[in-house]
Amino acid sequence: MIGLERRTAIANRFKIPWKAGLSLILLGASALVYLIHYLIFRDLRHIFIYLVGDIAFLFVSVLFVTLMIEQILSRREKLALLHKLNMVIGTFFSDVGIELLNRLPDYVENADDLCRRLVFTGHWQKKDFQKAIAETRNFPYKVRITPDSLRRLRIQLDGHRDFLLRLLENPNLLEHEGFTDLLWAVFHLTEELDFRPGDLENLPAADYNHLAGDVKRAFSQIAGEWLAYAMHLKESYPFLFSLAARINPFGEDPSPIVRES
């Protein structure tokens, strides 16, 4: 038994890694071909001319291949990461985003004008989603806030504060700029409301205007990212898109219930 273990240890010590073995085989095959060439044509000058030319071109070939492979792998890795991040984005909308969008009419006077443009269906194409996303950014939001509505919003956001902090701790989210901006907008609004006095009464008009701008930024970011997320679902997960279309907070009567068309 001891002899077997010793022989195994000796064999492992002298075992050649597969990469080194493959390199030796390829180099040996190359040397053999050059030897055959010499034995047939007896022309070392011809061999060295092409050998030097091939070696010179090898550096250029390695450069192009390396750059191309690196670019392809980098793009594939980024797409795979963004694909996984959409799972995190879906969790955000399930826990926070849709709940906030359902309250959009409470804070935006002309919300109905916006919502009519954002009711997506299964017939929407990528260009339709992109147009709607642009609408969320350029829409003239008429924000209306009162101390009472701000208090309700603060309670709602504080209930999700820990969840938002955990999302911000995810370093991979830096790869998704739009969603990162959304998180910062929502978290900034949360902090703005938390640092104000308890009742949010009797604030200066300039301060209410400042808070209105924060509310506008947060809701426009959420609306745009919701549409971007729905576009991803339509392309990759039609069964999830079906649910998103039914519970779309921009619809007149959003419901998960499937009804006859």
Protein backbone atom coordinates (compact mmCIF):
# COMPACT_ATOMS: atom_id res chain seq x y z
CA MET A 1 0.00 0.00 0.00
CA ILE A 2 2.82 2.35 0.93
CA GLY A 3 4.65 1.44 -2.27
CA LEU A 4 1.58 2.29 -4.34
CA GLU A 5 1.22 5.68 -2.67
CA ARG A 6 4.91 6.37 -3.24
CA ARG A 7 4.71 5.46 -6.91
CA THR A 8 1.62 7.67 -7.26
CA ALA A 9 3.44 10.60 -5.61
CA ILE A 10 6.44 10.14 -7.93
CA ALA A 11 4.17 9.93 -10.97
CA ASN A 12 2.35 13.13 -9.97
CA ARG A 13 5.67 14.89 -9.44
CA PHE A 14 6.83 14.15 -12.98
CA LYS A 15 3.44 14.55 -14.57
CA ILE A 16 3.54 17.12 -17.38
CA PRO A 17 0.69 19.69 -17.40
CA TRP A 18 -1.56 19.32 -20.42
CA LYS A 19 -0.69 22.78 -21.72
CA ALA A 20 3.03 22.02 -21.63
CA GLY A 21 2.43 18.65 -23.26
CA LEU A 22 0.34 20.21 -26.04
CA SER A 23 3.03 22.85 -26.61
CA LEU A 24 5.72 20.19 -26.95
CA ILE A 25 3.59 18.22 -29.41
CA LEU A 26 2.89 21.27 -31.58
CA LEU A 27 6.53 22.39 -31.56
CA GLY A 28 7.63 18.88 -32.43
CA ALA A 29 5.13 18.70 -35.29
CA SER A 30 6.36 22.06 -36.62
CA ALA A 31 10.00 20.96 -36.45
CA LEU A 32 9.11 17.72 -38.22
CA VAL A 33 7.40 19.54 -41.08
CA TYR A 34 10.38 21.88 -41.51
CA LEU A 35 12.69 18.84 -41.54
CA ILE A 36 10.60 17.14 -44.22
CA HIS A 37 10.64 20.37 -46.24
CA TYR A 38 14.45 20.51 -46.04
CA LEU A 39 14.86 16.83 -46.93
CA ILE A 40 12.74 17.31 -50.05
CA PHE A 41 13.95 20.69 -51.33
CA ARG A 42 17.34 21.11 -49.60
CA ASP A 43 16.81 24.89 -49.36
CA LEU A 44 17.45 26.39 -45.90
CA ARG A 45 17.31 29.93 -47.34
CA HIS A 46 13.72 29.45 -48.49
CA ILE A 47 12.75 28.01 -45.10
CA PHE A 48 14.26 30.93 -43.16
CA ILE A 49 12.73 33.57 -45.46
CA TYR A 50 9.20 32.33 -44.81
CA LEU A 51 9.94 31.54 -41.16
CA VAL A 52 11.01 35.12 -40.43
CA GLY A 53 8.03 36.49 -42.40
CA ASP A 54 5.59 34.27 -40.50
CA ILE A 55 7.11 35.26 -37.15
CA ALA A 56 6.86 38.96 -38.08
CA PHE A 57 3.18 38.60 -39.01
CA LEU A 58 2.50 36.55 -35.86
CA PHE A 59 2.67 39.66 -33.66
CA VAL A 60 0.10 41.48 -35.78
CA SER A 61 -2.12 38.39 -35.83
CA VAL A 62 -1.96 38.02 -32.03
CA LEU A 63 -2.78 41.71 -31.62
CA PHE A 64 -5.92 41.53 -33.76
CA VAL A 65 -7.09 38.22 -32.34
CA THR A 66 -6.54 39.41 -28.76
CA LEU A 67 -8.42 42.66 -29.29
CA MET A 68 -11.32 40.97 -31.05
CA ILE A 69 -11.65 38.15 -28.53
CA GLU A 70 -11.40 40.58 -25.61
CA GLN A 71 -14.11 42.79 -27.10
CA ILE A 72 -16.40 39.84 -27.79
CA LEU A 73 -15.91 38.35 -24.31
CA SER A 74 -16.35 41.73 -22.65
CA ARG A 75 -19.60 42.34 -24.51
CA ARG A 76 -20.91 38.87 -23.66
CA GLU A 77 -20.03 39.32 -20.00
CA LYS A 78 -21.74 42.71 -19.88
CA LEU A 79 -24.88 41.36 -21.55
CA ALA A 80 -24.95 38.42 -19.14
CA LEU A 81 -24.54 40.77 -16.18
CA LEU A 82 -27.29 43.10 -17.39
CA HIS A 83 -29.50 40.06 -17.93
CA LYS A 84 -29.00 39.06 -14.28
CA LEU A 85 -29.48 42.63 -13.07
CA ASN A 86 -32.94 42.67 -14.60
CA MET A 87 -33.89 40.10 -11.94
CA VAL A 88 -32.90 42.66 -9.30
CA ILE A 89 -34.84 45.36 -11.17
CA GLY A 90 -37.90 43.11 -11.22
CA THR A 91 -37.63 42.70 -7.44
CA PHE A 92 -37.48 46.48 -7.04
CA PHE A 93 -40.67 47.01 -9.01
CA SER A 94 -42.46 44.18 -7.21
CA ASP A 95 -41.61 45.61 -3.79
CA VAL A 96 -41.41 49.36 -4.36
CA GLY A 97 -41.69 50.65 -7.91
CA ILE A 98 -45.22 49.62 -8.87
CA GLU A 99 -46.51 50.73 -5.49
CA LEU A 100 -45.02 54.20 -6.07
CA LEU A 101 -46.29 54.44 -9.65
CA ASN A 102 -49.80 53.61 -8.45
CA ARG A 103 -49.58 56.78 -6.33
CA LEU A 104 -48.40 58.92 -9.25
CA PRO A 105 -51.78 60.71 -9.69
CA ASP A 106 -51.58 61.80 -6.05
CA TYR A 107 -48.52 63.94 -6.82
CA VAL A 108 -48.84 64.84 -10.51
CA GLU A 109 -51.86 66.86 -11.66
CA ASN A 110 -51.58 65.91 -15.32
CA ALA A 111 -50.71 62.25 -14.66
CA ASP A 112 -53.63 61.07 -16.81
CA ASP A 113 -52.10 62.72 -19.89
CA LEU A 114 -48.89 60.79 -19.30
CA CYS A 115 -50.49 57.48 -18.41
CA ARG A 116 -52.45 57.34 -21.67
CA ARG A 117 -49.17 57.31 -23.58
CA LEU A 118 -47.59 54.57 -21.49
CA VAL A 119 -50.15 51.76 -21.70
CA PHE A 120 -48.06 49.15 -23.50
CA THR A 121 -49.46 46.03 -25.13
CA GLY A 122 -48.12 42.87 -26.72
CA HIS A 123 -48.14 44.66 -30.07
CA TRP A 124 -45.56 47.20 -28.98
CA GLN A 125 -42.18 47.04 -30.71
CA LYS A 126 -38.83 48.24 -29.40
CA LYS A 127 -39.31 51.63 -31.07
CA ASP A 128 -42.65 52.07 -29.26
CA PHE A 129 -41.02 51.46 -25.89
CA GLN A 130 -38.17 53.82 -26.70
CA LYS A 131 -40.63 56.53 -27.69
CA ALA A 132 -42.58 56.05 -24.45
CA ILE A 133 -39.36 56.17 -22.39
CA ALA A 134 -38.53 59.48 -24.04
CA GLU A 135 -42.04 60.69 -23.10
CA THR A 136 -41.33 60.03 -19.40
CA ARG A 137 -38.22 62.21 -19.59
CA ASN A 138 -39.67 65.09 -21.58
CA PHE A 139 -43.19 65.17 -20.14
CA PRO A 140 -44.11 68.52 -18.45
CA TYR A 141 -44.91 67.17 -14.98
CA LYS A 142 -47.18 69.44 -12.94
CA VAL A 143 -46.28 68.31 -9.43
CA ARG A 144 -48.69 69.11 -6.61
CA ILE A 145 -47.62 68.45 -3.05
CA THR A 146 -49.10 69.17 0.33
CA PRO A 147 -47.76 68.50 3.81
CA ASP A 148 -50.19 65.60 4.12
CA SER A 149 -49.17 64.00 0.80
CA LEU A 150 -45.48 64.41 1.70
CA ARG A 151 -46.03 62.71 5.06
CA ARG A 152 -47.71 59.76 3.35
CA LEU A 153 -44.88 59.54 0.85
CA ARG A 154 -42.29 59.65 3.63
CA ILE A 155 -43.99 56.79 5.48
CA GLN A 156 -44.18 54.79 2.27
CA LEU A 157 -40.50 55.32 1.42
CA ASP A 158 -39.27 54.70 4.97
CA GLY A 159 -40.97 51.33 4.87
CA HIS A 160 -38.61 50.34 2.05
CA ARG A 161 -35.47 52.11 3.27
CA ASP A 162 -33.56 48.94 4.22
CA PHE A 163 -34.44 47.35 0.89
CA LEU A 164 -33.16 50.40 -1.02
CA LEU A 165 -29.92 50.39 0.99
CA ARG A 166 -29.31 46.74 0.15
CA LEU A 167 -29.78 47.50 -3.54
CA LEU A 168 -27.33 50.40 -3.36
CA GLU A 169 -24.74 48.08 -1.79
CA ASN A 170 -24.77 45.88 -4.89
CA PRO A 171 -21.63 46.91 -6.87
CA ASN A 172 -22.92 45.26 -10.06
CA LEU A 173 -25.68 47.85 -10.31
CA LEU A 174 -23.04 50.37 -11.41
CA GLU A 175 -23.16 48.58 -14.78
CA HIS A 176 -26.80 49.67 -15.18
CA GLU A 177 -26.64 53.46 -15.17
CA GLY A 178 -30.36 54.07 -15.61
CA PHE A 179 -31.37 51.93 -12.66
CA THR A 180 -28.56 53.35 -10.52
CA ASP A 181 -29.85 56.87 -11.22
CA LEU A 182 -33.34 55.67 -10.28
CA LEU A 183 -32.13 54.34 -6.91
CA TRP A 184 -30.25 57.52 -6.14
CA ALA A 185 -33.28 59.65 -7.05
CA VAL A 186 -35.60 57.61 -4.82
CA PHE A 187 -33.12 57.41 -1.94
CA HIS A 188 -32.39 61.14 -2.18
CA LEU A 189 -36.11 61.89 -1.94
CA THR A 190 -36.32 59.60 1.09
CA GLU A 191 -33.53 61.48 2.84
CA GLU A 192 -34.94 64.89 1.93
CA LEU A 193 -38.24 63.99 3.56
CA ASP A 194 -36.63 62.36 6.61
CA PHE A 195 -34.51 65.43 7.39
CA ARG A 196 -37.53 67.75 7.40
CA PRO A 197 -39.53 68.50 10.59
CA GLY A 198 -41.99 65.85 11.65
CA ASP A 199 -45.18 67.43 10.32
CA LEU A 200 -43.69 69.03 7.16
CA GLU A 201 -45.94 72.04 7.83
CA ASN A 202 -45.14 75.70 7.29
CA LEU A 203 -42.10 75.14 5.08
CA PRO A 204 -40.98 78.03 2.83
CA ALA A 205 -42.41 78.08 -0.67
CA ALA A 206 -38.91 77.64 -2.07
CA ASP A 207 -38.51 74.45 -0.02
CA TYR A 208 -41.80 73.02 -1.29
CA ASN A 209 -40.63 73.78 -4.82
CA HIS A 210 -37.39 71.97 -4.12
CA LEU A 211 -39.25 68.91 -2.85
CA ALA A 212 -41.53 69.05 -5.89
CA GLY A 213 -38.44 68.83 -8.09
CA ASP A 214 -37.23 65.78 -6.15
CA VAL A 215 -40.63 64.14 -6.52
CA LYS A 216 -40.64 64.84 -10.26
CA ARG A 217 -37.14 63.38 -10.67
CA ALA A 218 -37.99 60.22 -8.75
CA PHE A 219 -41.27 59.51 -10.55
CA SER A 220 -39.87 60.22 -14.02
CA GLN A 221 -36.95 57.86 -13.34
CA ILE A 222 -39.24 55.10 -12.05
CA ALA A 223 -41.62 55.45 -15.00
CA GLY A 224 -38.80 55.31 -17.56
CA GLU A 225 -37.12 52.29 -15.98
CA TRP A 226 -40.44 50.47 -15.68
CA LEU A 227 -40.90 50.76 -19.44
CA ALA A 228 -37.30 49.69 -20.07
CA TYR A 229 -37.85 46.66 -17.83
CA ALA A 230 -41.10 45.81 -19.66
CA MET A 231 -39.25 46.03 -22.99
CA HIS A 232 -36.66 43.55 -21.68
CA LEU A 233 -39.41 41.18 -20.55
CA LYS A 234 -41.11 41.30 -23.93
CA GLU A 235 -37.85 40.37 -25.67
CA SER A 236 -36.70 37.68 -23.23
CA TYR A 237 -39.60 36.50 -21.04
CA PRO A 238 -43.00 36.80 -22.77
CA PHE A 239 -44.80 35.07 -19.88
CA LEU A 240 -43.48 37.68 -17.43
CA PHE A 241 -44.34 40.45 -19.87
CA SER A 242 -47.94 39.21 -19.91
CA LEU A 243 -48.19 39.82 -16.16
CA ALA A 244 -46.43 43.19 -16.42
CA ALA A 245 -48.92 44.33 -19.09
CA ARG A 246 -51.85 43.33 -16.89
CA ILE A 247 -50.57 45.07 -13.73
CA ASN A 248 -49.14 48.06 -15.60
CA PRO A 249 -49.85 50.98 -13.21
CA PHE A 250 -50.43 53.28 -16.18
CA GLY A 251 -53.49 51.30 -17.26
CA GLU A 252 -57.05 52.32 -16.34
CA ASP A 253 -57.83 49.22 -14.30
CA PRO A 254 -54.62 47.22 -13.68
CA SER A 255 -55.29 43.70 -12.43
CA PRO A 256 -53.41 40.39 -12.55
CA ILE A 257 -56.67 38.64 -13.45
CA VAL A 258 -56.75 37.31 -17.01
CA ARG A 259 -59.89 38.45 -18.80
CA GLU A 260 -61.32 37.53 -22.19
CA SER A 261 -60.26 39.97 -24.89
